[in-house]
Amino acid sequence: MRAPQWRQNVFRNRGSLLALPALALAAFGKPDAKSIALGLPIAVAGEAVRCWAVGYSGVTTRADRVTAPALTTAGPYAYVRNPLYLGNFLTALGFSIAFTGKQSAAGRAALTTLGLGSMLAVYAAIVPLEEAYLQKTFGPAFDEYAANVPRIIPRIRPAASRHGRYDPSVILKAESRTFLTFGAMLAALAFKAQRGAA
């Protein structure tokens, strides 16, 4: 049975959908030194989690349709089934904190809710699509993996069964757009902070 078309559309456009709240932060955010010091390390940690995950999953993470040449269960995938999305969430949380230091409480809540809420809505739409594909493609192997590794909140210790190897050579190719976006957000943060200090 085909997945609902709307889920496939969300998957295909996930990058653009998640760029909108980032643009809102860059446009309306009001950072200060304290918010940058608190938020930026979280954003960097999120990107580090992404790079770790991409080193195992490769360039298929950029496809316009759900695909997986193998069921990767090593590295961060031994702790959580969706380490890329966990990394994205940490990065978004970090930038939300960094950009909203001088915001009113209502403004901070609105921008943070927009960013993280949009991300949760997109992932709520596409994770079932991805997991249906993995179950159909890998059958009992995926069922066993899903039974032992949580979807969102990481395990303390890695699952025993681990398949896949780390290949750092794919990171630059797979993450080029993410690095550009991250750099653009850093540039916007620096511009806003300098302008606010002037």
N, C-alpha and C. Protein backbone atom coordinates (compact mmCIF):
# COMPACT_ATOMS: atom_id res chain seq x y z
N MET A 1 0.84 -1.19 0.00
CA MET A 1 0.00 0.00 0.00
C MET A 1 0.88 1.25 0.00
N ARG A 2 0.62 2.17 -0.89
CA ARG A 2 1.39 3.40 -0.97
C ARG A 2 1.12 4.30 0.23
N ALA A 3 2.19 4.97 0.65
CA ALA A 3 2.03 5.94 1.73
C ALA A 3 1.19 7.11 1.22
N PRO A 4 0.46 7.77 2.11
CA PRO A 4 -0.32 8.93 1.68
C PRO A 4 0.56 9.95 0.95
N GLN A 5 0.05 10.51 -0.11
CA GLN A 5 0.82 11.43 -0.94
C GLN A 5 1.30 12.64 -0.14
N TRP A 6 0.50 13.08 0.82
CA TRP A 6 0.90 14.27 1.57
C TRP A 6 2.17 14.02 2.37
N ARG A 7 2.34 12.79 2.90
CA ARG A 7 3.58 12.48 3.63
C ARG A 7 4.78 12.52 2.68
N GLN A 8 4.60 11.98 1.49
CA GLN A 8 5.68 12.01 0.50
C GLN A 8 6.01 13.45 0.10
N ASN A 9 4.99 14.29 -0.01
CA ASN A 9 5.22 15.69 -0.34
C ASN A 9 5.98 16.41 0.77
N VAL A 10 5.61 16.12 2.01
CA VAL A 10 6.33 16.72 3.14
C VAL A 10 7.78 16.25 3.13
N PHE A 11 8.00 14.96 2.90
CA PHE A 11 9.36 14.42 2.86
C PHE A 11 10.17 15.12 1.77
N ARG A 12 9.59 15.23 0.59
CA ARG A 12 10.28 15.83 -0.55
C ARG A 12 10.65 17.29 -0.29
N ASN A 13 9.80 17.99 0.46
CA ASN A 13 10.00 19.43 0.71
C ASN A 13 10.46 19.74 2.12
N ARG A 14 10.97 18.75 2.82
CA ARG A 14 11.31 18.94 4.24
C ARG A 14 12.35 20.04 4.45
N GLY A 15 13.33 20.16 3.57
CA GLY A 15 14.34 21.20 3.72
C GLY A 15 13.75 22.60 3.63
N SER A 16 12.90 22.80 2.65
CA SER A 16 12.27 24.12 2.48
C SER A 16 11.34 24.44 3.63
N LEU A 17 10.59 23.44 4.09
CA LEU A 17 9.66 23.66 5.21
C LEU A 17 10.40 24.06 6.47
N LEU A 18 11.58 23.46 6.69
CA LEU A 18 12.34 23.77 7.90
C LEU A 18 13.18 25.03 7.76
N ALA A 19 13.34 25.50 6.53
CA ALA A 19 14.08 26.75 6.32
C ALA A 19 13.25 27.97 6.74
N LEU A 20 11.93 27.85 6.66
CA LEU A 20 11.06 29.00 6.98
C LEU A 20 11.23 29.49 8.42
N PRO A 21 11.18 28.59 9.44
CA PRO A 21 11.40 29.11 10.80
C PRO A 21 12.81 29.62 11.02
N ALA A 22 13.80 29.06 10.30
CA ALA A 22 15.16 29.58 10.42
C ALA A 22 15.23 31.01 9.88
N LEU A 23 14.54 31.25 8.78
CA LEU A 23 14.49 32.61 8.22
C LEU A 23 13.80 33.57 9.19
N ALA A 24 12.76 33.08 9.86
CA ALA A 24 12.06 33.92 10.84
C ALA A 24 13.00 34.30 11.99
N LEU A 25 13.82 33.34 12.45
CA LEU A 25 14.79 33.65 13.51
C LEU A 25 15.79 34.69 13.04
N ALA A 26 16.31 34.48 11.83
CA ALA A 26 17.30 35.41 11.29
C ALA A 26 16.71 36.81 11.10
N ALA A 27 15.45 36.87 10.70
CA ALA A 27 14.81 38.16 10.44
C ALA A 27 14.40 38.89 11.71
N PHE A 28 13.83 38.17 12.65
CA PHE A 28 13.20 38.81 13.81
C PHE A 28 13.95 38.61 15.13
N GLY A 29 14.98 37.77 15.12
CA GLY A 29 15.72 37.50 16.35
C GLY A 29 16.48 38.70 16.87
N LYS A 30 16.65 38.71 18.20
CA LYS A 30 17.39 39.79 18.86
C LYS A 30 18.35 39.14 19.85
N PRO A 31 19.54 38.73 19.38
CA PRO A 31 20.48 38.03 20.27
C PRO A 31 21.22 38.97 21.20
N ASP A 32 21.75 38.40 22.26
CA ASP A 32 22.70 39.11 23.11
C ASP A 32 23.83 38.14 23.44
N ALA A 33 24.85 38.64 24.11
CA ALA A 33 26.04 37.82 24.37
C ALA A 33 25.70 36.57 25.18
N LYS A 34 24.83 36.71 26.16
CA LYS A 34 24.48 35.57 27.01
C LYS A 34 23.71 34.51 26.22
N SER A 35 22.76 34.93 25.40
CA SER A 35 21.98 33.96 24.64
C SER A 35 22.85 33.24 23.63
N ILE A 36 23.81 33.95 23.04
CA ILE A 36 24.73 33.32 22.09
C ILE A 36 25.62 32.30 22.81
N ALA A 37 26.13 32.69 23.98
CA ALA A 37 26.99 31.78 24.75
C ALA A 37 26.23 30.53 25.18
N LEU A 38 24.94 30.66 25.47
CA LEU A 38 24.14 29.50 25.86
C LEU A 38 23.71 28.65 24.67
N GLY A 39 23.29 29.31 23.60
CA GLY A 39 22.70 28.58 22.49
C GLY A 39 23.66 28.01 21.48
N LEU A 40 24.75 28.72 21.20
CA LEU A 40 25.64 28.28 20.14
C LEU A 40 26.28 26.91 20.40
N PRO A 41 26.73 26.60 21.62
CA PRO A 41 27.27 25.25 21.84
C PRO A 41 26.24 24.15 21.59
N ILE A 42 24.97 24.41 21.87
CA ILE A 42 23.93 23.42 21.62
C ILE A 42 23.76 23.22 20.11
N ALA A 43 23.78 24.34 19.36
CA ALA A 43 23.66 24.25 17.90
C ALA A 43 24.83 23.48 17.31
N VAL A 44 26.04 23.75 17.79
CA VAL A 44 27.23 23.05 17.29
C VAL A 44 27.14 21.56 17.64
N ALA A 45 26.69 21.25 18.86
CA ALA A 45 26.53 19.84 19.25
C ALA A 45 25.53 19.13 18.33
N GLY A 46 24.46 19.82 17.96
CA GLY A 46 23.49 19.23 17.05
C GLY A 46 24.10 18.93 15.69
N GLU A 47 24.91 19.84 15.18
CA GLU A 47 25.57 19.59 13.89
C GLU A 47 26.58 18.46 14.01
N ALA A 48 27.24 18.34 15.15
CA ALA A 48 28.18 17.23 15.36
C ALA A 48 27.44 15.88 15.34
N VAL A 49 26.26 15.84 15.95
CA VAL A 49 25.46 14.62 15.92
C VAL A 49 25.08 14.29 14.47
N ARG A 50 24.69 15.30 13.71
CA ARG A 50 24.36 15.09 12.29
C ARG A 50 25.55 14.51 11.53
N CYS A 51 26.73 15.09 11.71
CA CYS A 51 27.92 14.61 11.00
C CYS A 51 28.25 13.17 11.38
N TRP A 52 28.10 12.85 12.64
CA TRP A 52 28.33 11.48 13.10
C TRP A 52 27.36 10.53 12.40
N ALA A 53 26.10 10.92 12.34
CA ALA A 53 25.08 10.07 11.71
C ALA A 53 25.30 9.94 10.21
N VAL A 54 25.61 11.06 9.54
CA VAL A 54 25.82 11.04 8.09
C VAL A 54 27.01 10.17 7.73
N GLY A 55 28.02 10.15 8.58
CA GLY A 55 29.17 9.28 8.34
C GLY A 55 28.79 7.81 8.25
N TYR A 56 27.68 7.46 8.87
CA TYR A 56 27.18 6.07 8.80
C TYR A 56 26.12 5.90 7.72
N SER A 57 25.25 6.88 7.54
CA SER A 57 24.13 6.71 6.60
C SER A 57 24.45 7.16 5.19
N GLY A 58 25.41 8.07 5.01
CA GLY A 58 25.83 8.48 3.68
C GLY A 58 24.92 9.49 3.02
N VAL A 59 25.08 9.63 1.70
CA VAL A 59 24.40 10.68 0.95
C VAL A 59 22.92 10.39 0.70
N THR A 60 22.45 9.19 1.03
CA THR A 60 21.03 8.90 0.80
C THR A 60 20.13 9.78 1.66
N THR A 61 20.69 10.41 2.68
CA THR A 61 19.90 11.29 3.53
C THR A 61 19.40 12.52 2.78
N ARG A 62 19.96 12.80 1.60
CA ARG A 62 19.57 13.97 0.83
C ARG A 62 18.58 13.63 -0.29
N ALA A 63 18.18 12.39 -0.39
CA ALA A 63 17.29 11.97 -1.48
C ALA A 63 15.92 12.62 -1.36
N ASP A 64 15.24 12.74 -2.50
CA ASP A 64 13.89 13.30 -2.52
C ASP A 64 12.82 12.25 -2.22
N ARG A 65 13.23 11.01 -2.15
CA ARG A 65 12.31 9.94 -1.78
C ARG A 65 13.00 9.07 -0.75
N VAL A 66 12.23 8.36 0.04
CA VAL A 66 12.80 7.51 1.09
C VAL A 66 13.55 6.36 0.42
N THR A 67 14.80 6.18 0.83
CA THR A 67 15.62 5.10 0.31
C THR A 67 16.67 4.74 1.35
N ALA A 68 17.11 3.50 1.32
CA ALA A 68 18.16 3.04 2.23
C ALA A 68 18.78 1.78 1.62
N PRO A 69 20.08 1.85 1.22
CA PRO A 69 20.71 0.68 0.65
C PRO A 69 20.96 -0.43 1.67
N ALA A 70 21.01 -0.07 2.95
CA ALA A 70 21.22 -1.05 4.02
C ALA A 70 20.58 -0.50 5.30
N LEU A 71 20.32 -1.39 6.23
CA LEU A 71 19.79 -0.99 7.53
C LEU A 71 20.97 -0.68 8.44
N THR A 72 21.23 0.60 8.64
CA THR A 72 22.36 1.03 9.46
C THR A 72 21.94 1.03 10.92
N THR A 73 22.70 0.31 11.74
CA THR A 73 22.36 0.22 13.17
C THR A 73 23.59 0.49 14.05
N ALA A 74 24.67 0.99 13.44
CA ALA A 74 25.90 1.27 14.18
C ALA A 74 26.01 2.76 14.46
N GLY A 75 27.05 3.13 15.19
CA GLY A 75 27.28 4.54 15.52
C GLY A 75 26.11 5.12 16.28
N PRO A 76 25.63 6.31 15.92
CA PRO A 76 24.52 6.91 16.66
C PRO A 76 23.23 6.12 16.50
N TYR A 77 23.14 5.34 15.41
CA TYR A 77 21.94 4.53 15.17
C TYR A 77 21.82 3.38 16.16
N ALA A 78 22.86 3.10 16.91
CA ALA A 78 22.79 2.11 17.97
C ALA A 78 22.15 2.68 19.23
N TYR A 79 22.01 4.01 19.27
CA TYR A 79 21.42 4.68 20.43
C TYR A 79 20.00 5.16 20.16
N VAL A 80 19.76 5.62 18.94
CA VAL A 80 18.47 6.22 18.60
C VAL A 80 18.21 6.01 17.11
N ARG A 81 16.96 5.78 16.73
CA ARG A 81 16.65 5.46 15.32
C ARG A 81 16.74 6.68 14.40
N ASN A 82 16.62 7.86 14.96
CA ASN A 82 16.60 9.07 14.13
C ASN A 82 17.65 10.10 14.60
N PRO A 83 18.93 9.74 14.54
CA PRO A 83 19.95 10.67 15.05
C PRO A 83 20.05 11.95 14.22
N LEU A 84 19.75 11.88 12.92
CA LEU A 84 19.79 13.10 12.11
C LEU A 84 18.76 14.11 12.60
N TYR A 85 17.58 13.61 12.91
CA TYR A 85 16.51 14.51 13.37
C TYR A 85 16.78 15.01 14.78
N LEU A 86 17.38 14.16 15.60
CA LEU A 86 17.78 14.60 16.94
C LEU A 86 18.82 15.72 16.82
N GLY A 87 19.79 15.53 15.92
CA GLY A 87 20.80 16.57 15.69
C GLY A 87 20.17 17.86 15.20
N ASN A 88 19.24 17.75 14.25
CA ASN A 88 18.54 18.94 13.75
C ASN A 88 17.79 19.66 14.87
N PHE A 89 17.15 18.88 15.73
CA PHE A 89 16.38 19.47 16.83
C PHE A 89 17.31 20.23 17.78
N LEU A 90 18.47 19.64 18.09
CA LEU A 90 19.43 20.32 18.96
C LEU A 90 19.93 21.60 18.31
N THR A 91 20.22 21.54 17.02
CA THR A 91 20.69 22.73 16.32
C THR A 91 19.63 23.83 16.33
N ALA A 92 18.38 23.43 16.05
CA ALA A 92 17.29 24.41 16.06
C ALA A 92 17.09 25.00 17.45
N LEU A 93 17.17 24.15 18.48
CA LEU A 93 17.03 24.63 19.86
C LEU A 93 18.15 25.62 20.18
N GLY A 94 19.37 25.26 19.79
CA GLY A 94 20.51 26.14 20.06
C GLY A 94 20.36 27.49 19.40
N PHE A 95 19.98 27.50 18.14
CA PHE A 95 19.81 28.79 17.45
C PHE A 95 18.61 29.56 17.99
N SER A 96 17.57 28.85 18.41
CA SER A 96 16.42 29.53 19.02
C SER A 96 16.84 30.26 20.28
N ILE A 97 17.66 29.61 21.09
CA ILE A 97 18.17 30.27 22.31
C ILE A 97 19.08 31.43 21.93
N ALA A 98 20.01 31.18 21.00
CA ALA A 98 21.01 32.20 20.64
C ALA A 98 20.38 33.46 20.06
N PHE A 99 19.35 33.31 19.25
CA PHE A 99 18.76 34.45 18.56
C PHE A 99 17.77 35.24 19.40
N THR A 100 17.35 34.74 20.55
CA THR A 100 16.22 35.39 21.24
C THR A 100 16.56 35.98 22.61
N GLY A 101 17.82 36.29 22.83
CA GLY A 101 18.22 36.81 24.14
C GLY A 101 17.57 38.12 24.53
N LYS A 102 17.38 39.04 23.58
CA LYS A 102 16.78 40.34 23.88
C LYS A 102 15.30 40.38 23.54
N GLN A 103 14.75 39.25 23.17
CA GLN A 103 13.34 39.15 22.83
C GLN A 103 12.50 39.26 24.11
N SER A 104 11.30 39.76 24.01
CA SER A 104 10.38 39.68 25.15
C SER A 104 10.07 38.20 25.39
N ALA A 105 9.51 37.89 26.53
CA ALA A 105 9.16 36.49 26.82
C ALA A 105 8.19 35.95 25.77
N ALA A 106 7.24 36.78 25.36
CA ALA A 106 6.26 36.36 24.35
C ALA A 106 6.94 36.16 22.99
N GLY A 107 7.83 37.05 22.64
CA GLY A 107 8.54 36.93 21.37
C GLY A 107 9.44 35.70 21.34
N ARG A 108 10.13 35.47 22.45
CA ARG A 108 10.99 34.27 22.57
C ARG A 108 10.16 33.01 22.42
N ALA A 109 9.03 32.98 23.12
CA ALA A 109 8.15 31.80 23.05
C ALA A 109 7.61 31.60 21.64
N ALA A 110 7.23 32.69 20.98
CA ALA A 110 6.67 32.59 19.63
C ALA A 110 7.69 32.06 18.64
N LEU A 111 8.90 32.63 18.64
CA LEU A 111 9.93 32.18 17.70
C LEU A 111 10.38 30.75 17.98
N THR A 112 10.53 30.41 19.26
CA THR A 112 10.96 29.05 19.61
C THR A 112 9.87 28.04 19.27
N THR A 113 8.63 28.38 19.55
CA THR A 113 7.52 27.48 19.23
C THR A 113 7.38 27.31 17.73
N LEU A 114 7.56 28.39 16.98
CA LEU A 114 7.49 28.30 15.52
C LEU A 114 8.56 27.35 15.00
N GLY A 115 9.79 27.53 15.45
CA GLY A 115 10.89 26.70 14.97
C GLY A 115 10.78 25.25 15.37
N LEU A 116 10.67 25.01 16.66
CA LEU A 116 10.64 23.62 17.15
C LEU A 116 9.32 22.95 16.82
N GLY A 117 8.22 23.72 16.85
CA GLY A 117 6.92 23.14 16.50
C GLY A 117 6.87 22.73 15.04
N SER A 118 7.43 23.57 14.15
CA SER A 118 7.48 23.21 12.73
C SER A 118 8.28 21.94 12.52
N MET A 119 9.40 21.85 13.22
CA MET A 119 10.25 20.67 13.10
C MET A 119 9.52 19.42 13.58
N LEU A 120 8.86 19.51 14.71
CA LEU A 120 8.11 18.35 15.22
C LEU A 120 7.00 17.94 14.27
N ALA A 121 6.33 18.92 13.67
CA ALA A 121 5.25 18.61 12.73
C ALA A 121 5.79 17.91 11.48
N VAL A 122 6.91 18.40 10.95
CA VAL A 122 7.51 17.77 9.77
C VAL A 122 7.94 16.35 10.08
N TYR A 123 8.60 16.16 11.22
CA TYR A 123 9.10 14.83 11.55
C TYR A 123 7.96 13.87 11.91
N ALA A 124 6.90 14.40 12.50
CA ALA A 124 5.74 13.55 12.78
C ALA A 124 5.12 13.04 11.49
N ALA A 125 5.25 13.82 10.42
CA ALA A 125 4.72 13.41 9.12
C ALA A 125 5.62 12.42 8.41
N ILE A 126 6.94 12.60 8.50
CA ILE A 126 7.82 11.79 7.66
C ILE A 126 8.41 10.56 8.34
N VAL A 127 8.52 10.55 9.66
CA VAL A 127 9.09 9.37 10.32
C VAL A 127 8.24 8.12 10.05
N PRO A 128 6.90 8.17 10.14
CA PRO A 128 6.13 6.98 9.80
C PRO A 128 6.35 6.52 8.35
N LEU A 129 6.53 7.45 7.44
CA LEU A 129 6.80 7.12 6.04
C LEU A 129 8.13 6.37 5.93
N GLU A 130 9.15 6.89 6.59
CA GLU A 130 10.47 6.25 6.56
C GLU A 130 10.43 4.87 7.21
N GLU A 131 9.76 4.78 8.34
CA GLU A 131 9.75 3.50 9.05
C GLU A 131 8.93 2.45 8.30
N ALA A 132 7.88 2.86 7.60
CA ALA A 132 7.12 1.92 6.78
C ALA A 132 8.01 1.38 5.65
N TYR A 133 8.80 2.25 5.06
CA TYR A 133 9.73 1.81 4.01
C TYR A 133 10.76 0.82 4.57
N LEU A 134 11.34 1.16 5.72
CA LEU A 134 12.36 0.29 6.31
C LEU A 134 11.77 -1.06 6.70
N GLN A 135 10.55 -1.06 7.22
CA GLN A 135 9.92 -2.32 7.61
C GLN A 135 9.64 -3.17 6.37
N LYS A 136 9.16 -2.54 5.32
CA LYS A 136 8.86 -3.27 4.08
C LYS A 136 10.15 -3.80 3.45
N THR A 137 11.22 -3.02 3.50
CA THR A 137 12.47 -3.39 2.84
C THR A 137 13.28 -4.40 3.64
N PHE A 138 13.34 -4.22 4.97
CA PHE A 138 14.22 -5.05 5.79
C PHE A 138 13.49 -6.02 6.71
N GLY A 139 12.16 -5.91 6.77
CA GLY A 139 11.33 -6.87 7.49
C GLY A 139 11.73 -7.12 8.93
N PRO A 140 11.96 -8.39 9.30
CA PRO A 140 12.25 -8.73 10.69
C PRO A 140 13.49 -8.04 11.25
N ALA A 141 14.47 -7.76 10.40
CA ALA A 141 15.66 -7.07 10.88
C ALA A 141 15.31 -5.68 11.40
N PHE A 142 14.43 -4.98 10.69
CA PHE A 142 14.00 -3.66 11.16
C PHE A 142 13.12 -3.80 12.39
N ASP A 143 12.24 -4.80 12.42
CA ASP A 143 11.37 -5.01 13.59
C ASP A 143 12.21 -5.21 14.85
N GLU A 144 13.26 -6.01 14.73
CA GLU A 144 14.13 -6.26 15.88
C GLU A 144 14.86 -4.98 16.29
N TYR A 145 15.33 -4.24 15.30
CA TYR A 145 16.01 -2.97 15.57
C TYR A 145 15.06 -1.99 16.27
N ALA A 146 13.85 -1.85 15.74
CA ALA A 146 12.88 -0.92 16.32
C ALA A 146 12.48 -1.32 17.73
N ALA A 147 12.49 -2.63 18.00
CA ALA A 147 12.14 -3.10 19.35
C ALA A 147 13.23 -2.79 20.37
N ASN A 148 14.47 -2.61 19.90
CA ASN A 148 15.60 -2.41 20.81
C ASN A 148 16.15 -1.00 20.86
N VAL A 149 15.83 -0.19 19.86
CA VAL A 149 16.38 1.17 19.80
C VAL A 149 15.23 2.16 19.71
N PRO A 150 15.19 3.12 20.64
CA PRO A 150 14.07 4.08 20.65
C PRO A 150 14.09 5.03 19.46
N ARG A 151 12.93 5.54 19.14
CA ARG A 151 12.76 6.43 17.98
C ARG A 151 13.39 7.80 18.19
N ILE A 152 13.20 8.39 19.38
CA ILE A 152 13.61 9.78 19.60
C ILE A 152 14.58 9.96 20.77
N ILE A 153 14.26 9.42 21.93
CA ILE A 153 15.10 9.59 23.12
C ILE A 153 16.18 8.51 23.12
N PRO A 154 17.46 8.88 23.05
CA PRO A 154 18.53 7.87 22.93
C PRO A 154 18.63 6.94 24.14
N ARG A 155 19.07 5.72 23.85
CA ARG A 155 19.44 4.77 24.90
C ARG A 155 20.68 5.27 25.62
N ILE A 156 20.88 4.79 26.84
CA ILE A 156 22.11 5.13 27.57
C ILE A 156 23.28 4.35 26.98
N ARG A 157 23.06 3.08 26.73
CA ARG A 157 24.10 2.22 26.16
C ARG A 157 23.68 1.79 24.76
N PRO A 158 24.64 1.58 23.86
CA PRO A 158 24.27 1.19 22.50
C PRO A 158 23.65 -0.20 22.44
N ALA A 159 22.78 -0.41 21.47
CA ALA A 159 22.20 -1.74 21.24
C ALA A 159 23.31 -2.70 20.83
N ALA A 160 23.14 -3.97 21.14
CA ALA A 160 24.19 -4.96 20.90
C ALA A 160 24.44 -5.20 19.42
N SER A 161 23.39 -5.31 18.64
CA SER A 161 23.53 -5.60 17.21
C SER A 161 23.80 -4.33 16.43
N ARG A 162 24.99 -4.25 15.82
CA ARG A 162 25.36 -3.03 15.10
C ARG A 162 25.90 -3.38 13.71
N HIS A 163 25.28 -2.75 12.70
CA HIS A 163 25.69 -2.97 11.31
C HIS A 163 25.95 -1.62 10.65
N GLY A 164 27.07 -1.52 9.97
CA GLY A 164 27.43 -0.29 9.28
C GLY A 164 28.81 0.17 9.70
N ARG A 165 29.41 1.01 8.87
CA ARG A 165 30.74 1.54 9.21
C ARG A 165 30.77 3.04 8.94
N TYR A 166 31.64 3.70 9.65
CA TYR A 166 31.77 5.15 9.56
C TYR A 166 32.67 5.51 8.38
N ASP A 167 32.20 6.39 7.51
CA ASP A 167 32.96 6.85 6.36
C ASP A 167 32.94 8.38 6.34
N PRO A 168 33.97 9.02 6.91
CA PRO A 168 33.95 10.48 6.98
C PRO A 168 34.01 11.17 5.63
N SER A 169 34.41 10.43 4.58
CA SER A 169 34.54 11.05 3.26
C SER A 169 33.20 11.49 2.68
N VAL A 170 32.09 10.95 3.18
CA VAL A 170 30.78 11.33 2.62
C VAL A 170 30.21 12.58 3.27
N ILE A 171 30.78 13.00 4.39
CA ILE A 171 30.18 14.09 5.17
C ILE A 171 30.11 15.39 4.38
N LEU A 172 31.21 15.78 3.76
CA LEU A 172 31.21 17.06 3.05
C LEU A 172 30.19 17.06 1.92
N LYS A 173 30.11 15.96 1.17
CA LYS A 173 29.15 15.89 0.07
C LYS A 173 27.72 15.88 0.59
N ALA A 174 27.47 15.08 1.61
CA ALA A 174 26.10 14.94 2.12
C ALA A 174 25.65 16.16 2.91
N GLU A 175 26.59 16.85 3.54
CA GLU A 175 26.24 17.95 4.44
C GLU A 175 26.51 19.33 3.87
N SER A 176 26.83 19.43 2.59
CA SER A 176 27.20 20.75 2.04
C SER A 176 26.09 21.78 2.24
N ARG A 177 24.83 21.40 1.99
CA ARG A 177 23.72 22.35 2.19
C ARG A 177 23.54 22.71 3.66
N THR A 178 23.70 21.70 4.52
CA THR A 178 23.57 21.95 5.95
C THR A 178 24.66 22.89 6.44
N PHE A 179 25.90 22.67 5.97
CA PHE A 179 27.00 23.56 6.36
C PHE A 179 26.75 24.99 5.88
N LEU A 180 26.22 25.13 4.66
CA LEU A 180 25.91 26.47 4.14
C LEU A 180 24.83 27.14 4.99
N THR A 181 23.79 26.37 5.34
CA THR A 181 22.72 26.92 6.17
C THR A 181 23.26 27.30 7.55
N PHE A 182 24.07 26.42 8.13
CA PHE A 182 24.65 26.68 9.45
C PHE A 182 25.51 27.95 9.39
N GLY A 183 26.33 28.06 8.34
CA GLY A 183 27.17 29.25 8.18
C GLY A 183 26.34 30.51 8.01
N ALA A 184 25.25 30.41 7.25
CA ALA A 184 24.38 31.57 7.06
C ALA A 184 23.74 32.00 8.38
N MET A 185 23.35 31.02 9.19
CA MET A 185 22.77 31.34 10.50
C MET A 185 23.81 31.98 11.42
N LEU A 186 25.06 31.49 11.35
CA LEU A 186 26.13 32.11 12.15
C LEU A 186 26.37 33.55 11.70
N ALA A 187 26.36 33.77 10.38
CA ALA A 187 26.57 35.12 9.86
C ALA A 187 25.43 36.05 10.30
N ALA A 188 24.20 35.56 10.23
CA ALA A 188 23.05 36.37 10.66
C ALA A 188 23.14 36.66 12.15
N LEU A 189 23.58 35.68 12.92
CA LEU A 189 23.71 35.85 14.37
C LEU A 189 24.77 36.92 14.67
N ALA A 190 25.90 36.84 13.99
CA ALA A 190 26.97 37.83 14.20
C ALA A 190 26.51 39.23 13.79
N PHE A 191 25.81 39.32 12.66
CA PHE A 191 25.31 40.61 12.19
C PHE A 191 24.33 41.20 13.19
N LYS A 192 23.39 40.37 13.64
CA LYS A 192 22.38 40.86 14.59
C LYS A 192 23.03 41.28 15.91
N ALA A 193 24.00 40.48 16.38
CA ALA A 193 24.64 40.80 17.66
C ALA A 193 25.43 42.10 17.54
N GLN A 194 26.15 42.29 16.44
CA GLN A 194 26.91 43.51 16.23
C GLN A 194 26.00 44.72 16.12
N ARG A 195 24.92 44.54 15.39
CA ARG A 195 23.97 45.64 15.20
C ARG A 195 23.31 46.01 16.53
N GLY A 196 23.00 44.99 17.34
CA GLY A 196 22.38 45.24 18.63
C GLY A 196 23.32 45.91 19.61
N ALA A 197 24.64 45.64 19.46
CA ALA A 197 25.62 46.23 20.36
C ALA A 197 25.98 47.66 19.97
N ALA A 198 25.66 48.02 18.71
CA ALA A 198 26.02 49.36 18.22
C ALA A 198 25.16 50.45 18.85
